[in-house]
Each structure stands twice: as C-alpha cells, then as structure tokens.
PDB file of N, CA and C in Angstrom:
ATOM      1  N   GLN A   1      27.826 113.002 103.877  1.00  0.00           N
ATOM      2  CA  GLN A   1      28.658 113.935 104.439  1.00  0.00           C
ATOM      3  C   GLN A   1      30.237 113.260 104.143  1.00  0.00           C
ATOM      4  N   VAL A   2      30.953 114.519 103.773  1.00  0.00           N
ATOM      5  CA  VAL A   2      32.616 114.684 103.150  1.00  0.00           C
ATOM      6  C   VAL A   2      32.985 114.661 105.049  1.00  0.00           C
ATOM      7  N   GLN A   3      34.247 113.409 105.036  1.00  0.00           N
ATOM      8  CA  GLN A   3      34.655 113.293 106.730  1.00  0.00           C
ATOM      9  C   GLN A   3      36.076 113.624 106.474  1.00  0.00           C
ATOM     10  N   LEU A   4      36.435 115.366 107.071  1.00  0.00           N
ATOM     11  CA  LEU A   4      37.835 115.692 107.621  1.00  0.00           C
ATOM     12  C   LEU A   4      38.293 115.367 109.330  1.00  0.00           C
ATOM     13  N   VAL A   5      39.185 114.774 109.083  1.00  0.00           N
ATOM     14  CA  VAL A   5      39.567 114.457 110.726  1.00  0.00           C
ATOM     15  C   VAL A   5      40.810 114.728 110.725  1.00  0.00           C
ATOM     16  N   GLU A   6      41.071 115.051 111.741  1.00  0.00           N
ATOM     17  CA  GLU A   6      42.209 116.485 112.105  1.00  0.00           C
ATOM     18  C   GLU A   6      42.562 115.241 113.162  1.00  0.00           C
ATOM     19  N   SER A   7      44.152 115.500 113.678  1.00  0.00           N
ATOM     20  CA  SER A   7      44.700 114.693 114.697  1.00  0.00           C
ATOM     21  C   SER A   7      46.064 115.467 115.072  1.00  0.00           C
ATOM     22  N   GLY A   8      46.072 115.171 116.520  1.00  0.00           N
ATOM     23  CA  GLY A   8      47.575 115.531 116.800  1.00  0.00           C
ATOM     24  C   GLY A   8      47.293 117.243 117.324  1.00  0.00           C
ATOM     25  N   GLY A   9      46.770 117.625 117.366  1.00  0.00           N
ATOM     26  CA  GLY A   9      46.785 118.809 119.352  1.00  0.00           C
ATOM     27  C   GLY A   9      46.771 118.469 120.462  1.00  0.00           C
ATOM     28  N   GLY A  10      46.803 119.500 121.384  1.00  0.00           N
ATOM     29  CA  GLY A  10      47.616 118.928 122.624  1.00  0.00           C
ATOM     30  C   GLY A  10      47.921 120.193 123.133  1.00  0.00           C
ATOM     31  N   LEU A  11      48.194 119.725 124.315  1.00  0.00           N
ATOM     32  CA  LEU A  11      49.219 120.438 124.924  1.00  0.00           C
ATOM     33  C   LEU A  11      50.567 121.203 125.135  1.00  0.00           C
ATOM     34  N   VAL A  12      51.361 121.923 124.308  1.00  0.00           N
ATOM     35  CA  VAL A  12      52.600 121.978 124.014  1.00  0.00           C
ATOM     36  C   VAL A  12      53.184 123.425 124.481  1.00  0.00           C
ATOM     37  N   GLN A  13      54.359 123.129 125.439  1.00  0.00           N
ATOM     38  CA  GLN A  13      55.154 124.325 126.249  1.00  0.00           C
ATOM     39  C   GLN A  13      55.544 125.579 124.756  1.00  0.00           C
ATOM     40  N   PRO A  14      55.707 126.880 124.950  1.00  0.00           N
ATOM     41  CA  PRO A  14      56.153 127.434 124.415  1.00  0.00           C
ATOM     42  C   PRO A  14      57.703 126.763 123.376  1.00  0.00           C
ATOM     43  N   GLY A  15      57.969 127.379 122.595  1.00  0.00           N
ATOM     44  CA  GLY A  15      59.278 127.284 122.198  1.00  0.00           C
ATOM     45  C   GLY A  15      59.201 125.407 121.541  1.00  0.00           C
ATOM     46  N   GLY A  16      57.815 124.623 121.450  1.00  0.00           N
ATOM     47  CA  GLY A  16      57.789 123.797 121.521  1.00  0.00           C
ATOM     48  C   GLY A  16      57.210 123.035 120.515  1.00  0.00           C
ATOM     49  N   SER A  17      57.528 121.571 119.579  1.00  0.00           N
ATOM     50  CA  SER A  17      56.418 121.754 118.307  1.00  0.00           C
ATOM     51  C   SER A  17      55.708 120.687 118.481  1.00  0.00           C
ATOM     52  N   LEU A  18      54.673 120.810 117.039  1.00  0.00           N
ATOM     53  CA  LEU A  18      53.826 119.687 116.847  1.00  0.00           C
ATOM     54  C   LEU A  18      53.206 119.793 115.787  1.00  0.00           C
ATOM     55  N   ARG A  19      52.614 118.681 114.996  1.00  0.00           N
ATOM     56  CA  ARG A  19      52.395 118.343 114.019  1.00  0.00           C
ATOM     57  C   ARG A  19      51.144 117.958 114.028  1.00  0.00           C
ATOM     58  N   LEU A  20      50.281 118.634 113.186  1.00  0.00           N
ATOM     59  CA  LEU A  20      49.322 118.404 113.460  1.00  0.00           C
ATOM     60  C   LEU A  20      48.387 117.245 111.345  1.00  0.00           C
ATOM     61  N   SER A  21      48.050 116.668 111.683  1.00  0.00           N
ATOM     62  CA  SER A  21      47.183 116.093 110.990  1.00  0.00           C
ATOM     63  C   SER A  21      45.358 115.847 110.301  1.00  0.00           C
ATOM     64  N   CYS A  22      45.265 115.904 108.791  1.00  0.00           N
ATOM     65  CA  CYS A  22      43.770 115.431 107.892  1.00  0.00           C
ATOM     66  C   CYS A  22      43.799 114.585 107.364  1.00  0.00           C
ATOM     67  N   ARG A  23      42.875 113.367 107.692  1.00  0.00           N
ATOM     68  CA  ARG A  23      43.085 112.748 106.971  1.00  0.00           C
ATOM     69  C   ARG A  23      41.592 112.745 106.200  1.00  0.00           C
ATOM     70  N   GLY A  24      40.741 112.245 104.749  1.00  0.00           N
ATOM     71  CA  GLY A  24      40.041 112.822 104.156  1.00  0.00           C
ATOM     72  C   GLY A  24      39.632 111.771 102.701  1.00  0.00           C
ATOM     73  N   PRO A  25      39.167 111.804 101.943  1.00  0.00           N
ATOM     74  CA  PRO A  25      38.847 110.736 101.381  1.00  0.00           C
ATOM     75  C   PRO A  25      39.310 111.176  99.558  1.00  0.00           C
ATOM     76  N   GLN A  26      39.585 109.879  99.169  1.00  0.00           N
ATOM     77  CA  GLN A  26      40.688 110.147  98.242  1.00  0.00           C
ATOM     78  C   GLN A  26      40.179 111.347  97.227  1.00  0.00           C
ATOM     79  N   TYR A  27      38.627 111.603  97.046  1.00  0.00           N
ATOM     80  CA  TYR A  27      38.703 112.315  96.130  1.00  0.00           C
ATOM     81  C   TYR A  27      38.654 113.746  96.026  1.00  0.00           C
ATOM     82  N   ILE A  28      39.120 113.448  97.564  1.00  0.00           N
ATOM     83  CA  ILE A  28      39.118 115.115  97.955  1.00  0.00           C
ATOM     84  C   ILE A  28      40.594 115.489  97.880  1.00  0.00           C
ATOM     85  N   PHE A  29      41.492 114.404  97.779  1.00  0.00           N
ATOM     86  CA  PHE A  29      42.516 114.836  97.890  1.00  0.00           C
ATOM     87  C   PHE A  29      42.872 115.100  96.130  1.00  0.00           C
ATOM     88  N   ARG A  30      42.165 114.389  95.669  1.00  0.00           N
ATOM     89  CA  ARG A  30      42.631 114.630  94.003  1.00  0.00           C
ATOM     90  C   ARG A  30      42.811 115.834  93.659  1.00  0.00           C
ATOM     91  N   VAL A  31      41.732 116.324  93.931  1.00  0.00           N
ATOM     92  CA  VAL A  31      41.290 117.779  93.176  1.00  0.00           C
ATOM     93  C   VAL A  31      41.289 119.220  94.291  1.00  0.00           C
ATOM     94  N   TYR A  32      40.488 118.595  95.585  1.00  0.00           N
ATOM     95  CA  TYR A  32      40.390 119.603  96.002  1.00  0.00           C
ATOM     96  C   TYR A  32      41.856 120.866  96.682  1.00  0.00           C
ATOM     97  N   GLU A  33      41.064 122.494  96.883  1.00  0.00           N
ATOM     98  CA  GLU A  33      43.016 123.082  97.513  1.00  0.00           C
ATOM     99  C   GLU A  33      42.252 122.837  99.113  1.00  0.00           C
ATOM    100  N   MET A  34      43.597 122.804  99.389  1.00  0.00           N
ATOM    101  CA  MET A  34      43.391 122.277 101.235  1.00  0.00           C
ATOM    102  C   MET A  34      43.934 123.166 102.142  1.00  0.00           C
ATOM    103  N   GLY A  35      43.485 122.834 103.303  1.00  0.00           N
ATOM    104  CA  GLY A  35      44.046 123.983 104.487  1.00  0.00           C
ATOM    105  C   GLY A  35      44.008 124.179 105.863  1.00  0.00           C
ATOM    106  N   TRP A  36      44.373 124.807 106.543  1.00  0.00           N
ATOM    107  CA  TRP A  36      44.380 124.476 107.779  1.00  0.00           C
ATOM    108  C   TRP A  36      43.428 126.228 108.205  1.00  0.00           C
ATOM    109  N   TYR A  37      42.395 126.451 109.085  1.00  0.00           N
ATOM    110  CA  TYR A  37      42.104 127.489 109.905  1.00  0.00           C
ATOM    111  C   TYR A  37      42.504 127.101 111.168  1.00  0.00           C
ATOM    112  N   ARG A  38      42.230 128.760 111.917  1.00  0.00           N
ATOM    113  CA  ARG A  38      42.073 128.335 113.395  1.00  0.00           C
ATOM    114  C   ARG A  38      41.504 129.325 113.494  1.00  0.00           C
ATOM    115  N   GLN A  39      40.704 129.468 115.288  1.00  0.00           N
ATOM    116  CA  GLN A  39      40.066 130.217 115.780  1.00  0.00           C
ATOM    117  C   GLN A  39      40.784 130.149 117.423  1.00  0.00           C
ATOM    118  N   ALA A  40      41.358 131.335 117.106  1.00  0.00           N
ATOM    119  CA  ALA A  40      41.635 131.719 119.527  1.00  0.00           C
ATOM    120  C   ALA A  40      40.169 131.738 119.634  1.00  0.00           C
ATOM    121  N   PRO A  41      40.151 131.878 121.088  1.00  0.00           N
ATOM    122  CA  PRO A  41      39.045 132.052 121.554  1.00  0.00           C
ATOM    123  C   PRO A  41      38.545 133.685 121.464  1.00  0.00           C
ATOM    124  N   GLU A  42      37.043 133.992 121.003  1.00  0.00           N
ATOM    125  CA  GLU A  42      36.675 135.402 121.141  1.00  0.00           C
ATOM    126  C   GLU A  42      37.887 135.930 120.120  1.00  0.00           C
ATOM    127  N   LYS A  43      38.540 135.426 119.158  1.00  0.00           N
ATOM    128  CA  LYS A  43      38.868 135.709 117.536  1.00  0.00           C
ATOM    129  C   LYS A  43      38.153 135.287 116.680  1.00  0.00           C
ATOM    130  N   GLU A  44      38.316 135.829 115.624  1.00  0.00           N
ATOM    131  CA  GLU A  44      37.518 135.244 114.200  1.00  0.00           C
ATOM    132  C   GLU A  44      38.822 134.186 113.641  1.00  0.00           C
ATOM    133  N   ARG A  45      37.861 133.292 113.504  1.00  0.00           N
ATOM    134  CA  ARG A  45      38.742 132.246 112.165  1.00  0.00           C
ATOM    135  C   ARG A  45      39.724 132.829 111.228  1.00  0.00           C
ATOM    136  N   GLU A  46      40.872 132.281 111.591  1.00  0.00           N
ATOM    137  CA  GLU A  46      41.654 132.887 110.342  1.00  0.00           C
ATOM    138  C   GLU A  46      42.736 131.702 109.551  1.00  0.00           C
ATOM    139  N   LEU A  47      43.769 132.611 108.685  1.00  0.00           N
ATOM    140  CA  LEU A  47      44.074 131.640 107.490  1.00  0.00           C
ATOM    141  C   LEU A  47      44.868 131.146 107.935  1.00  0.00           C
ATOM    142  N   VAL A  48      45.993 129.981 107.751  1.00  0.00           N
ATOM    143  CA  VAL A  48      47.372 129.834 108.768  1.00  0.00           C
ATOM    144  C   VAL A  48      47.931 129.276 107.721  1.00  0.00           C
ATOM    145  N   ALA A  49      47.183 128.487 106.446  1.00  0.00           N
ATOM    146  CA  ALA A  49      47.992 128.199 105.129  1.00  0.00           C
ATOM    147  C   ALA A  49      47.216 127.345 104.650  1.00  0.00           C
ATOM    148  N   THR A  50      47.415 127.308 103.396  1.00  0.00           N
ATOM    149  CA  THR A  50      46.434 126.386 102.276  1.00  0.00           C
ATOM    150  C   THR A  50      47.632 125.683 101.058  1.00  0.00           C
ATOM    151  N   ILE A  51      46.728 124.530 100.701  1.00  0.00           N
ATOM    152  CA  ILE A  51      47.530 123.671  99.494  1.00  0.00           C
ATOM    153  C   ILE A  51      47.222 123.614  98.178  1.00  0.00           C
ATOM    154  N   THR A  52      47.382 123.793  97.173  1.00  0.00           N
ATOM    155  CA  THR A  52      46.637 122.588  95.937  1.00  0.00           C
ATOM    156  C   THR A  52      46.699 121.385  95.727  1.00  0.00           C
ATOM    157  N   SER A  53      46.291 120.395  95.477  1.00  0.00           N
ATOM    158  CA  SER A  53      46.300 118.672  94.534  1.00  0.00           C
ATOM    159  C   SER A  53      48.084 119.209  93.888  1.00  0.00           C
ATOM    160  N   GLY A  54      48.429 120.708  93.584  1.00  0.00           N
ATOM    161  CA  GLY A  54      49.718 120.366  92.826  1.00  0.00           C
ATOM    162  C   GLY A  54      50.810 121.032  93.472  1.00  0.00           C
ATOM    163  N   GLY A  55      50.285 120.995  95.177  1.00  0.00           N
ATOM    164  CA  GLY A  55      51.715 121.610  96.381  1.00  0.00           C
ATOM    165  C   GLY A  55      51.717 122.812  96.370  1.00  0.00           C
ATOM    166  N   MET A  56      51.144 124.022  95.495  1.00  0.00           N
ATOM    167  CA  MET A  56      51.473 125.304  95.536  1.00  0.00           C
ATOM    168  C   MET A  56      50.914 125.809  96.991  1.00  0.00           C
ATOM    169  N   THR A  57      51.696 126.711  97.558  1.00  0.00           N
ATOM    170  CA  THR A  57      51.179 126.553  98.985  1.00  0.00           C
ATOM    171  C   THR A  57      51.092 128.490  99.174  1.00  0.00           C
ATOM    172  N   ASN A  58      50.192 128.069 100.697  1.00  0.00           N
ATOM    173  CA  ASN A  58      50.186 129.346 100.665  1.00  0.00           C
ATOM    174  C   ASN A  58      50.143 130.130 101.957  1.00  0.00           C
ATOM    175  N   TYR A  59      50.839 130.981 102.667  1.00  0.00           N
ATOM    176  CA  TYR A  59      50.420 130.849 104.463  1.00  0.00           C
ATOM    177  C   TYR A  59      50.277 132.758 104.795  1.00  0.00           C
ATOM    178  N   ASN A  60      49.312 132.803 105.902  1.00  0.00           N
ATOM    179  CA  ASN A  60      49.033 133.717 106.372  1.00  0.00           C
ATOM    180  C   ASN A  60      50.901 133.980 106.625  1.00  0.00           C
ATOM    181  N   GLU A  61      50.984 135.571 106.456  1.00  0.00           N
ATOM    182  CA  GLU A  61      51.827 135.713 106.067  1.00  0.00           C
ATOM    183  C   GLU A  61      52.768 136.036 108.073  1.00  0.00           C
ATOM    184  N   SER A  62      51.970 136.111 108.696  1.00  0.00           N
ATOM    185  CA  SER A  62      52.955 136.474 110.100  1.00  0.00           C
ATOM    186  C   SER A  62      53.168 134.742 110.578  1.00  0.00           C
ATOM    187  N   LEU A  63      52.712 133.734 109.800  1.00  0.00           N
ATOM    188  CA  LEU A  63      53.714 132.227 110.756  1.00  0.00           C
ATOM    189  C   LEU A  63      54.706 131.571 109.405  1.00  0.00           C
ATOM    190  N   ARG A  64      54.686 132.464 108.573  1.00  0.00           N
ATOM    191  CA  ARG A  64      55.318 131.422 107.542  1.00  0.00           C
ATOM    192  C   ARG A  64      57.027 131.631 108.144  1.00  0.00           C
ATOM    193  N   GLY A  65      57.502 130.971 108.058  1.00  0.00           N
ATOM    194  CA  GLY A  65      58.774 130.305 108.862  1.00  0.00           C
ATOM    195  C   GLY A  65      58.986 129.181 110.080  1.00  0.00           C
ATOM    196  N   ARG A  66      57.747 129.804 110.534  1.00  0.00           N
ATOM    197  CA  ARG A  66      57.069 128.623 111.989  1.00  0.00           C
ATOM    198  C   ARG A  66      56.351 127.171 111.227  1.00  0.00           C
ATOM    199  N   PHE A  67      55.338 127.440 110.830  1.00  0.00           N
ATOM    200  CA  PHE A  67      54.517 126.468 110.173  1.00  0.00           C
ATOM    201  C   PHE A  67      54.946 125.637 108.619  1.00  0.00           C
ATOM    202  N   THR A  68      54.762 124.687 108.755  1.00  0.00           N
ATOM    203  CA  THR A  68      54.857 124.457 107.351  1.00  0.00           C
ATOM    204  C   THR A  68      53.640 123.032 106.908  1.00  0.00           C
ATOM    205  N   ILE A  69      52.940 123.667 105.090  1.00  0.00           N
ATOM    206  CA  ILE A  69      51.379 122.948 105.212  1.00  0.00           C
ATOM    207  C   ILE A  69      52.728 121.645 103.718  1.00  0.00           C
ATOM    208  N   SER A  70      51.714 120.375 104.107  1.00  0.00           N
ATOM    209  CA  SER A  70      52.325 119.676 103.016  1.00  0.00           C
ATOM    210  C   SER A  70      50.890 118.711 103.017  1.00  0.00           C
ATOM    211  N   ARG A  71      51.387 117.890 101.800  1.00  0.00           N
ATOM    212  CA  ARG A  71      49.844 117.277 102.041  1.00  0.00           C
ATOM    213  C   ARG A  71      50.703 116.026 101.009  1.00  0.00           C
ATOM    214  N   ASP A  72      50.019 114.800 101.518  1.00  0.00           N
ATOM    215  CA  ASP A  72      50.319 113.635 100.318  1.00  0.00           C
ATOM    216  C   ASP A  72      49.443 112.677  99.794  1.00  0.00           C
ATOM    217  N   ASN A  73      48.503 112.789  98.699  1.00  0.00           N
ATOM    218  CA  ASN A  73      47.702 113.027  97.951  1.00  0.00           C
ATOM    219  C   ASN A  73      47.785 111.228  97.876  1.00  0.00           C
ATOM    220  N   ARG A  74      48.554 110.512  97.968  1.00  0.00           N
ATOM    221  CA  ARG A  74      48.306 109.069  97.458  1.00  0.00           C
ATOM    222  C   ARG A  74      47.641 108.447  99.335  1.00  0.00           C
ATOM    223  N   ASN A  75      48.512 108.743 100.023  1.00  0.00           N
ATOM    224  CA  ASN A  75      47.994 108.607 101.796  1.00  0.00           C
ATOM    225  C   ASN A  75      46.720 109.305 102.163  1.00  0.00           C
ATOM    226  N   THR A  76      46.435 110.266 101.300  1.00  0.00           N
ATOM    227  CA  THR A  76      45.276 111.299 101.548  1.00  0.00           C
ATOM    228  C   THR A  76      45.623 111.444 103.054  1.00  0.00           C
ATOM    229  N   THR A  77      46.200 112.324 103.269  1.00  0.00           N
ATOM    230  CA  THR A  77      46.463 112.862 104.582  1.00  0.00           C
ATOM    231  C   THR A  77      47.363 114.300 103.997  1.00  0.00           C
ATOM    232  N   MET A  78      47.093 115.340 104.786  1.00  0.00           N
ATOM    233  CA  MET A  78      47.527 116.867 104.750  1.00  0.00           C
ATOM    234  C   MET A  78      47.765 116.986 106.359  1.00  0.00           C
ATOM    235  N   ASP A  79      49.654 117.798 106.964  1.00  0.00           N
ATOM    236  CA  ASP A  79      49.922 118.178 107.784  1.00  0.00           C
ATOM    237  C   ASP A  79      50.230 119.544 107.996  1.00  0.00           C
ATOM    238  N   LEU A  80      50.578 119.577 109.040  1.00  0.00           N
ATOM    239  CA  LEU A  80      50.978 120.663 109.393  1.00  0.00           C
ATOM    240  C   LEU A  80      52.106 121.095 110.540  1.00  0.00           C
ATOM    241  N   GLN A  81      53.109 121.287 109.970  1.00  0.00           N
ATOM    242  CA  GLN A  81      54.352 121.165 111.155  1.00  0.00           C
ATOM    243  C   GLN A  81      54.748 122.832 111.669  1.00  0.00           C
ATOM    244  N   MET A  82      54.122 122.482 112.725  1.00  0.00           N
ATOM    245  CA  MET A  82      54.462 124.003 113.639  1.00  0.00           C
ATOM    246  C   MET A  82      55.317 124.206 114.509  1.00  0.00           C
ATOM    247  N   ASN A  83      56.812 124.318 114.336  1.00  0.00           N
ATOM    248  CA  ASN A  83      57.341 124.716 115.704  1.00  0.00           C
ATOM    249  C   ASN A  83      57.620 125.909 116.347  1.00  0.00           C
ATOM    250  N   ASN A  84      58.605 126.090 117.283  1.00  0.00           N
ATOM    251  CA  ASN A  84      58.467 127.125 118.109  1.00  0.00           C
ATOM    252  C   ASN A  84      57.638 128.051 118.491  1.00  0.00           C
ATOM    253  N   LEU A  85      56.458 127.143 118.464  1.00  0.00           N
ATOM    254  CA  LEU A  85      54.612 127.221 119.077  1.00  0.00           C
ATOM    255  C   LEU A  85      55.058 128.422 120.263  1.00  0.00           C
ATOM    256  N   LYS A  86      54.238 129.764 120.038  1.00  0.00           N
ATOM    257  CA  LYS A  86      54.112 130.718 121.537  1.00  0.00           C
ATOM    258  C   LYS A  86      52.723 130.779 122.187  1.00  0.00           C
ATOM    259  N   PRO A  87      52.236 131.292 122.888  1.00  0.00           N
ATOM    260  CA  PRO A  87      50.865 131.228 123.962  1.00  0.00           C
ATOM    261  C   PRO A  87      49.976 131.795 122.635  1.00  0.00           C
ATOM    262  N   GLU A  88      50.250 132.573 121.906  1.00  0.00           N
ATOM    263  CA  GLU A  88      48.748 133.592 121.478  1.00  0.00           C
ATOM    264  C   GLU A  88      49.285 132.757 119.518  1.00  0.00           C
ATOM    265  N   ASP A  89      49.697 131.172 119.626  1.00  0.00           N
ATOM    266  CA  ASP A  89      48.930 130.310 118.934  1.00  0.00           C
ATOM    267  C   ASP A  89      48.038 129.075 118.846  1.00  0.00           C
ATOM    268  N   THR A  90      47.743 129.527 120.801  1.00  0.00           N
ATOM    269  CA  THR A  90      46.489 128.740 121.215  1.00  0.00           C
ATOM    270  C   THR A  90      45.216 128.899 120.309  1.00  0.00           C
ATOM    271  N   ALA A  91      44.647 127.619 119.806  1.00  0.00           N
ATOM    272  CA  ALA A  91      43.141 127.841 119.171  1.00  0.00           C
ATOM    273  C   ALA A  91      42.934 126.469 119.045  1.00  0.00           C
ATOM    274  N   ILE A  92      42.017 126.287 117.970  1.00  0.00           N
ATOM    275  CA  ILE A  92      41.326 125.227 117.432  1.00  0.00           C
ATOM    276  C   ILE A  92      41.642 125.342 116.010  1.00  0.00           C
ATOM    277  N   TYR A  93      42.022 124.270 115.889  1.00  0.00           N
ATOM    278  CA  TYR A  93      43.297 124.156 114.457  1.00  0.00           C
ATOM    279  C   TYR A  93      41.912 122.950 113.113  1.00  0.00           C
ATOM    280  N   TYR A  94      41.417 124.143 112.421  1.00  0.00           N
ATOM    281  CA  TYR A  94      40.670 123.048 111.267  1.00  0.00           C
ATOM    282  C   TYR A  94      41.376 122.479 110.408  1.00  0.00           C
ATOM    283  N   CYS A  95      41.020 121.437 109.399  1.00  0.00           N
ATOM    284  CA  CYS A  95      41.620 121.076 108.532  1.00  0.00           C
ATOM    285  C   CYS A  95      40.149 121.780 107.610  1.00  0.00           C
ATOM    286  N   HIS A  96      39.982 122.481 106.131  1.00  0.00           N
ATOM    287  CA  HIS A  96      39.528 123.121 105.370  1.00  0.00           C
ATOM    288  C   HIS A  96      39.760 122.672 103.969  1.00  0.00           C
ATOM    289  N   ALA A  97      39.008 121.989 102.985  1.00  0.00           N
ATOM    290  CA  ALA A  97      38.890 121.859 101.423  1.00  0.00           C
ATOM    291  C   ALA A  97      38.127 122.182 100.342  1.00  0.00           C
ATOM    292  N   LYS A  98      38.506 122.704  99.437  1.00  0.00           N
ATOM    293  CA  LYS A  98      37.584 123.937  98.777  1.00  0.00           C
ATOM    294  C   LYS A  98      38.437 123.204  97.523  1.00  0.00           C
ATOM    295  N   PHE A  99      36.863 122.867  96.119  1.00  0.00           N
ATOM    296  CA  PHE A  99      37.082 123.611  95.248  1.00  0.00           C
ATOM    297  C   PHE A  99      35.624 123.998  94.192  1.00  0.00           C
ATOM    298  N   GLU A 100      36.267 124.830  93.339  1.00  0.00           N
ATOM    299  CA  GLU A 100      36.316 125.730  92.382  1.00  0.00           C
ATOM    300  C   GLU A 100      35.299 125.515  91.791  1.00  0.00           C
ATOM    301  N   PHE A 101      33.879 125.203  91.988  1.00  0.00           N
ATOM    302  CA  PHE A 101      33.005 124.878  90.064  1.00  0.00           C
ATOM    303  C   PHE A 101      33.238 126.573  89.299  1.00  0.00           C
ATOM    304  N   PRO A 102      32.704 125.713  88.037  1.00  0.00           N
ATOM    305  CA  PRO A 102      32.314 127.302  87.949  1.00  0.00           C
ATOM    306  C   PRO A 102      31.123 128.082  88.309  1.00  0.00           C
ATOM    307  N   SER A 103      30.229 127.734  88.778  1.00  0.00           N
ATOM    308  CA  SER A 103      28.817 128.493  89.525  1.00  0.00           C
ATOM    309  C   SER A 103      29.093 128.038  90.597  1.00  0.00           C
ATOM    310  N   SER A 104      29.854 127.677  91.753  1.00  0.00           N
ATOM    311  CA  SER A 104      29.147 127.731  92.701  1.00  0.00           C
ATOM    312  C   SER A 104      30.901 127.159  93.510  1.00  0.00           C
ATOM    313  N   ILE A 105      31.151 126.911  95.224  1.00  0.00           N
ATOM    314  CA  ILE A 105      32.113 126.071  95.560  1.00  0.00           C
ATOM    315  C   ILE A 105      31.634 125.218  96.630  1.00  0.00           C
ATOM    316  N   SER A 106      31.837 124.074  96.454  1.00  0.00           N
ATOM    317  CA  SER A 106      31.952 122.935  97.370  1.00  0.00           C
ATOM    318  C   SER A 106      33.111 122.786  98.205  1.00  0.00           C
ATOM    319  N   GLU A 107      32.659 122.982  99.308  1.00  0.00           N
ATOM    320  CA  GLU A 107      33.472 122.568 100.743  1.00  0.00           C
ATOM    321  C   GLU A 107      33.334 122.094 101.756  1.00  0.00           C
ATOM    322  N   PHE A 108      34.093 121.521 102.920  1.00  0.00           N
ATOM    323  CA  PHE A 108      34.340 121.412 103.994  1.00  0.00           C
ATOM    324  C   PHE A 108      35.080 121.478 104.970  1.00  0.00           C
ATOM    325  N   TRP A 109      34.554 121.118 106.660  1.00  0.00           N
ATOM    326  CA  TRP A 109      34.833 121.413 107.382  1.00  0.00           C
ATOM    327  C   TRP A 109      35.708 119.856 108.442  1.00  0.00           C
ATOM    328  N   GLY A 110      36.926 120.351 108.896  1.00  0.00           N
ATOM    329  CA  GLY A 110      37.053 119.128 109.755  1.00  0.00           C
ATOM    330  C   GLY A 110      36.147 119.782 111.614  1.00  0.00           C
ATOM    331  N   GLN A 111      36.177 118.968 111.916  1.00  0.00           N
ATOM    332  CA  GLN A 111      35.480 119.313 113.451  1.00  0.00           C
ATOM    333  C   GLN A 111      36.321 119.698 114.600  1.00  0.00           C
ATOM    334  N   GLY A 112      37.886 119.700 113.974  1.00  0.00           N
ATOM    335  CA  GLY A 112      38.554 120.515 114.898  1.00  0.00           C
ATOM    336  C   GLY A 112      39.613 120.298 115.956  1.00  0.00           C
ATOM    337  N   THR A 113      40.883 120.299 116.044  1.00  0.00           N
ATOM    338  CA  THR A 113      41.560 120.184 116.935  1.00  0.00           C
ATOM    339  C   THR A 113      42.042 120.925 117.990  1.00  0.00           C
ATOM    340  N   GLN A 114      42.431 120.888 119.198  1.00  0.00           N
ATOM    341  CA  GLN A 114      42.868 122.113 120.502  1.00  0.00           C
ATOM    342  C   GLN A 114      44.330 121.878 119.939  1.00  0.00           C
ATOM    343  N   VAL A 115      45.146 123.086 120.080  1.00  0.00           N
ATOM    344  CA  VAL A 115      46.323 123.088 120.033  1.00  0.00           C
ATOM    345  C   VAL A 115      46.083 124.466 121.677  1.00  0.00           C
ATOM    346  N   THR A 116      46.791 124.065 122.496  1.00  0.00           N
ATOM    347  CA  THR A 116      46.640 124.794 123.896  1.00  0.00           C
ATOM    348  C   THR A 116      48.507 125.107 124.125  1.00  0.00           C
ATOM    349  N   VAL A 117      49.002 126.200 123.857  1.00  0.00           N
ATOM    350  CA  VAL A 117      50.553 126.455 124.322  1.00  0.00           C
ATOM    351  C   VAL A 117      50.607 127.264 125.373  1.00  0.00           C
ATOM    352  N   SER A 118      51.132 126.601 126.609  1.00  0.00           N
ATOM    353  CA  SER A 118      51.695 127.032 127.944  1.00  0.00           C
ATOM    354  C   SER A 118      52.318 126.329 128.154  1.00  0.00           C
ATOM    355  N   SER A 119      53.074 126.931 129.401  1.00  0.00           N
ATOM    356  CA  SER A 119      54.058 126.482 130.480  1.00  0.00           C
ATOM    357  C   SER A 119      53.471 125.327 131.614  1.00  0.00           C
TER     358      SER A 119
END
C-alpha cells in the first residue's frame, strides 16, 4: 500500500499561516498528479489545489491568492502554503495522488492532517 504522509497541521489564529507537507514514494512524484483536498465537519471533501509532475497548478478559485501548492519531485515532497487563514479553513487536509492509465485510474490518499483556525 502506498504511503502518503502529511505533516504540518495544527492550531493557528485567524490571519496566521501554516505550511503542510506530504511525502511519498519516488515513483509517485515522478508521474502522478498530486493535490490537496480538505473536509470540514459535516461537509463534503473539496478540492484545494492540484499540481502535475511538470508543475502545472490548479486551484479552488475561492482559495487562490491565499494558498500556494508546490512540489519537489527530487525530494518527494509536496507542500501547501496557507496564508491569512480564516476559521472557515478549519478542516482535515488530505494529500492525494492520481495517475490516469488508458482504462483505469490509480489514486492514493493520505491519512489527513487537522488544521484548526481559531482564536
């Protein structure tokens, strides 16, 4: 089973910043599209941002400008820099990896890391 391991979550005050990281196997970072999703209490999981192996990014438009996704394929890490955090950003944040084969999709999820924005 592929292991995607998130770190960096925690408690932060409104207006503060956090940086999440996801580590995984080399072959994932070589070809898989990766991303961050989040799930707030009693809400559906939603896209935060994705980044291809070549560095092309896609954001939840409501988060663009505050959140920045990046990846370092050589060191097998993917980061999410979150600035000006708001209470509504409170959620469990999940690392995700996906590769589309001609007739199937390979995807993996991390266990999640809790982000709480509160004064």
